[in-house]
């Protein structure tokens, strides 16, 4: 679990750097940068999901049937607050789009998601209290 948290921390740093050094227009002009953005966001969300589901199972919070339920269980048992849970549930929706509807992803919306990267940091802070 600590390794996954470290990966997430590195991803946050990389995504913030990407946002700092590349505008939306830069990303739209360069397919490689767009792929970097897509993968960085996807991997970060997946790490959050992996950690959430691991914690739900480790602490017997319930039997989650979906990634969203893993996050909801963490919120239900006060591992994360309601606002963070809502944000992370939305992120799971984005992850599903990245996996299944990758052709239809609006790069502008994807770039806009960078405004929510701090939620990953809040997740790390919350999780560290329990490990």
C-alpha atoms as a PDB file:
ATOM      1  CA  UNK A   1       0.000   0.000   0.000  1.00  0.00           C
ATOM      2  CA  UNK A   2       2.828   2.408   0.775  1.00  0.00           C
ATOM      3  CA  UNK A   3       4.228   1.825  -2.701  1.00  0.00           C
ATOM      4  CA  UNK A   4       0.892   2.768  -4.261  1.00  0.00           C
ATOM      5  CA  UNK A   5       0.746   5.941  -2.178  1.00  0.00           C
ATOM      6  CA  UNK A   6       4.230   6.842  -3.379  1.00  0.00           C
ATOM      7  CA  UNK A   7       3.168   6.282  -7.003  1.00  0.00           C
ATOM      8  CA  UNK A   8       0.165   8.516  -6.433  1.00  0.00           C
ATOM      9  CA  UNK A   9       2.345  11.228  -4.900  1.00  0.00           C
ATOM     10  CA  UNK A  10       4.698  11.071  -7.885  1.00  0.00           C
ATOM     11  CA  UNK A  11       1.747  11.244 -10.268  1.00  0.00           C
ATOM     12  CA  UNK A  12       0.341  14.287  -8.495  1.00  0.00           C
ATOM     13  CA  UNK A  13       3.686  16.019  -8.835  1.00  0.00           C
ATOM     14  CA  UNK A  14       3.919  15.104 -12.533  1.00  0.00           C
ATOM     15  CA  UNK A  15       0.360  16.199 -13.293  1.00  0.00           C
ATOM     16  CA  UNK A  16       0.892  19.522 -11.533  1.00  0.00           C
ATOM     17  CA  UNK A  17       4.089  20.038 -13.516  1.00  0.00           C
ATOM     18  CA  UNK A  18       2.239  19.245 -16.710  1.00  0.00           C
ATOM     19  CA  UNK A  19      -0.408  21.821 -15.846  1.00  0.00           C
ATOM     20  CA  UNK A  20       2.233  24.392 -14.938  1.00  0.00           C
ATOM     21  CA  UNK A  21       4.264  24.001 -18.125  1.00  0.00           C
ATOM     22  CA  UNK A  22       1.640  23.100 -20.748  1.00  0.00           C
ATOM     23  CA  UNK A  23      -1.491  24.987 -21.661  1.00  0.00           C
ATOM     24  CA  UNK A  24      -4.599  23.307 -22.998  1.00  0.00           C
ATOM     25  CA  UNK A  25      -3.555  24.479 -26.465  1.00  0.00           C
ATOM     26  CA  UNK A  26      -0.131  22.863 -26.041  1.00  0.00           C
ATOM     27  CA  UNK A  27      -1.762  19.565 -25.086  1.00  0.00           C
ATOM     28  CA  UNK A  28      -4.192  19.736 -27.994  1.00  0.00           C
ATOM     29  CA  UNK A  29      -1.325  20.293 -30.454  1.00  0.00           C
ATOM     30  CA  UNK A  30       0.820  17.399 -29.286  1.00  0.00           C
ATOM     31  CA  UNK A  31      -0.602  13.883 -29.224  1.00  0.00           C
ATOM     32  CA  UNK A  32       2.214  12.616 -27.004  1.00  0.00           C
ATOM     33  CA  UNK A  33       1.428  15.252 -24.368  1.00  0.00           C
ATOM     34  CA  UNK A  34      -2.259  14.341 -24.592  1.00  0.00           C
ATOM     35  CA  UNK A  35      -1.378  10.691 -24.002  1.00  0.00           C
ATOM     36  CA  UNK A  36       0.732  11.710 -21.013  1.00  0.00           C
ATOM     37  CA  UNK A  37      -2.204  13.617 -19.578  1.00  0.00           C
ATOM     38  CA  UNK A  38      -4.614  10.740 -20.201  1.00  0.00           C
ATOM     39  CA  UNK A  39      -2.354   8.108 -18.714  1.00  0.00           C
ATOM     40  CA  UNK A  40      -1.319  10.211 -15.736  1.00  0.00           C
ATOM     41  CA  UNK A  41      -4.930  10.847 -14.804  1.00  0.00           C
ATOM     42  CA  UNK A  42      -5.976   7.258 -15.506  1.00  0.00           C
ATOM     43  CA  UNK A  43      -3.178   5.739 -13.436  1.00  0.00           C
ATOM     44  CA  UNK A  44      -3.811   8.126 -10.542  1.00  0.00           C
ATOM     45  CA  UNK A  45      -7.490   7.251 -10.437  1.00  0.00           C
ATOM     46  CA  UNK A  46      -6.681   3.542 -10.639  1.00  0.00           C
ATOM     47  CA  UNK A  47      -4.282   3.816  -7.704  1.00  0.00           C
ATOM     48  CA  UNK A  48      -6.995   5.546  -5.655  1.00  0.00           C
ATOM     49  CA  UNK A  49      -9.406   2.746  -6.557  1.00  0.00           C
ATOM     50  CA  UNK A  50      -6.876   0.055  -5.636  1.00  0.00           C
ATOM     51  CA  UNK A  51      -6.199   1.640  -2.266  1.00  0.00           C
ATOM     52  CA  UNK A  52      -9.889   2.229  -1.531  1.00  0.00           C
ATOM     53  CA  UNK A  53     -10.818  -1.364  -2.327  1.00  0.00           C
ATOM     54  CA  UNK A  54      -7.847  -2.674  -0.341  1.00  0.00           C
ATOM     55  CA  UNK A  55      -8.856  -0.670   2.727  1.00  0.00           C
ATOM     56  CA  UNK A  56     -12.504  -1.699   2.426  1.00  0.00           C
ATOM     57  CA  UNK A  57     -11.443  -5.333   2.390  1.00  0.00           C
ATOM     58  CA  UNK A  58      -8.694  -5.093   5.001  1.00  0.00           C
ATOM     59  CA  UNK A  59     -10.931  -3.391   7.554  1.00  0.00           C
ATOM     60  CA  UNK A  60     -14.064  -5.439   6.715  1.00  0.00           C
ATOM     61  CA  UNK A  61     -16.099  -2.381   5.792  1.00  0.00           C
ATOM     62  CA  UNK A  62     -18.446  -4.376   3.595  1.00  0.00           C
ATOM     63  CA  UNK A  63     -18.552  -6.261   0.358  1.00  0.00           C
ATOM     64  CA  UNK A  64     -18.090  -3.770  -2.446  1.00  0.00           C
ATOM     65  CA  UNK A  65     -19.416  -4.837  -5.824  1.00  0.00           C
ATOM     66  CA  UNK A  66     -17.900  -1.910  -7.706  1.00  0.00           C
ATOM     67  CA  UNK A  67     -15.111   0.627  -7.515  1.00  0.00           C
ATOM     68  CA  UNK A  68     -17.611   3.295  -6.558  1.00  0.00           C
ATOM     69  CA  UNK A  69     -18.806   1.170  -3.644  1.00  0.00           C
ATOM     70  CA  UNK A  70     -15.229   0.899  -2.337  1.00  0.00           C
ATOM     71  CA  UNK A  71     -15.074   4.680  -2.122  1.00  0.00           C
ATOM     72  CA  UNK A  72     -18.571   4.911  -0.660  1.00  0.00           C
ATOM     73  CA  UNK A  73     -17.596   2.451   2.073  1.00  0.00           C
ATOM     74  CA  UNK A  74     -14.618   4.598   3.010  1.00  0.00           C
ATOM     75  CA  UNK A  75     -16.933   7.583   3.280  1.00  0.00           C
ATOM     76  CA  UNK A  76     -19.582   5.649   5.206  1.00  0.00           C
ATOM     77  CA  UNK A  77     -17.027   4.659   7.846  1.00  0.00           C
ATOM     78  CA  UNK A  78     -15.395   8.124   7.979  1.00  0.00           C
ATOM     79  CA  UNK A  79     -12.097   7.234   6.332  1.00  0.00           C
ATOM     80  CA  UNK A  80     -12.775  10.090   3.898  1.00  0.00           C
ATOM     81  CA  UNK A  81     -15.271  12.939   4.041  1.00  0.00           C
ATOM     82  CA  UNK A  82     -18.372  13.274   1.893  1.00  0.00           C
ATOM     83  CA  UNK A  83     -16.998  15.956  -0.436  1.00  0.00           C
ATOM     84  CA  UNK A  84     -13.870  13.962  -1.167  1.00  0.00           C
ATOM     85  CA  UNK A  85     -15.948  10.841  -1.753  1.00  0.00           C
ATOM     86  CA  UNK A  86     -18.099  12.680  -4.291  1.00  0.00           C
ATOM     87  CA  UNK A  87     -15.022  13.931  -6.111  1.00  0.00           C
ATOM     88  CA  UNK A  88     -13.448  10.470  -6.179  1.00  0.00           C
ATOM     89  CA  UNK A  89     -16.670   8.868  -7.405  1.00  0.00           C
ATOM     90  CA  UNK A  90     -16.649  11.371 -10.275  1.00  0.00           C
ATOM     91  CA  UNK A  91     -13.039  10.428 -10.939  1.00  0.00           C
ATOM     92  CA  UNK A  92     -14.067   6.768 -11.198  1.00  0.00           C
ATOM     93  CA  UNK A  93     -16.570   7.832 -13.837  1.00  0.00           C
ATOM     94  CA  UNK A  94     -13.783   9.579 -15.726  1.00  0.00           C
ATOM     95  CA  UNK A  95     -11.609   6.479 -15.438  1.00  0.00           C
ATOM     96  CA  UNK A  96     -14.382   4.404 -16.971  1.00  0.00           C
ATOM     97  CA  UNK A  97     -14.638   6.865 -19.864  1.00  0.00           C
ATOM     98  CA  UNK A  98     -10.885   6.752 -20.348  1.00  0.00           C
ATOM     99  CA  UNK A  99     -11.037   2.967 -20.582  1.00  0.00           C
ATOM    100  CA  UNK A 100     -14.212   2.453 -22.585  1.00  0.00           C
ATOM    101  CA  UNK A 101     -14.902   5.694 -24.428  1.00  0.00           C
ATOM    102  CA  UNK A 102     -11.375   6.933 -25.059  1.00  0.00           C
ATOM    103  CA  UNK A 103     -12.244   8.149 -28.563  1.00  0.00           C
ATOM    104  CA  UNK A 104     -14.924  10.480 -27.221  1.00  0.00           C
ATOM    105  CA  UNK A 105     -12.873  12.142 -24.474  1.00  0.00           C
ATOM    106  CA  UNK A 106     -12.878  15.921 -24.707  1.00  0.00           C
ATOM    107  CA  UNK A 107      -9.283  17.012 -24.093  1.00  0.00           C
ATOM    108  CA  UNK A 108     -10.509  20.331 -22.712  1.00  0.00           C
ATOM    109  CA  UNK A 109     -12.500  18.535 -19.991  1.00  0.00           C
ATOM    110  CA  UNK A 110      -9.608  16.192 -19.343  1.00  0.00           C
ATOM    111  CA  UNK A 111      -7.248  19.145 -18.903  1.00  0.00           C
ATOM    112  CA  UNK A 112      -9.842  20.772 -16.639  1.00  0.00           C
ATOM    113  CA  UNK A 113      -9.675  17.706 -14.402  1.00  0.00           C
ATOM    114  CA  UNK A 114      -6.198  18.861 -13.367  1.00  0.00           C
ATOM    115  CA  UNK A 115      -7.975  21.352 -11.093  1.00  0.00           C
ATOM    116  CA  UNK A 116      -9.036  18.371  -8.956  1.00  0.00           C
ATOM    117  CA  UNK A 117      -5.620  16.756  -8.539  1.00  0.00           C
ATOM    118  CA  UNK A 118      -5.438  18.155  -5.005  1.00  0.00           C
ATOM    119  CA  UNK A 119      -8.243  15.745  -4.112  1.00  0.00           C
ATOM    120  CA  UNK A 120      -5.736  12.943  -4.630  1.00  0.00           C
ATOM    121  CA  UNK A 121      -3.505  14.645  -2.059  1.00  0.00           C
ATOM    122  CA  UNK A 122      -6.436  14.813   0.377  1.00  0.00           C
ATOM    123  CA  UNK A 123      -7.035  11.128  -0.214  1.00  0.00           C
ATOM    124  CA  UNK A 124      -3.399  10.333   0.603  1.00  0.00           C
ATOM    125  CA  UNK A 125      -3.600  12.395   3.796  1.00  0.00           C
ATOM    126  CA  UNK A 126      -6.788  10.620   4.878  1.00  0.00           C
ATOM    127  CA  UNK A 127      -5.451   7.160   4.106  1.00  0.00           C
ATOM    128  CA  UNK A 128      -2.152   7.707   5.905  1.00  0.00           C
ATOM    129  CA  UNK A 129      -4.119   8.050   9.155  1.00  0.00           C
ATOM    130  CA  UNK A 130      -5.191   4.402   8.845  1.00  0.00           C
ATOM    131  CA  UNK A 131      -2.021   2.646   7.767  1.00  0.00           C
END
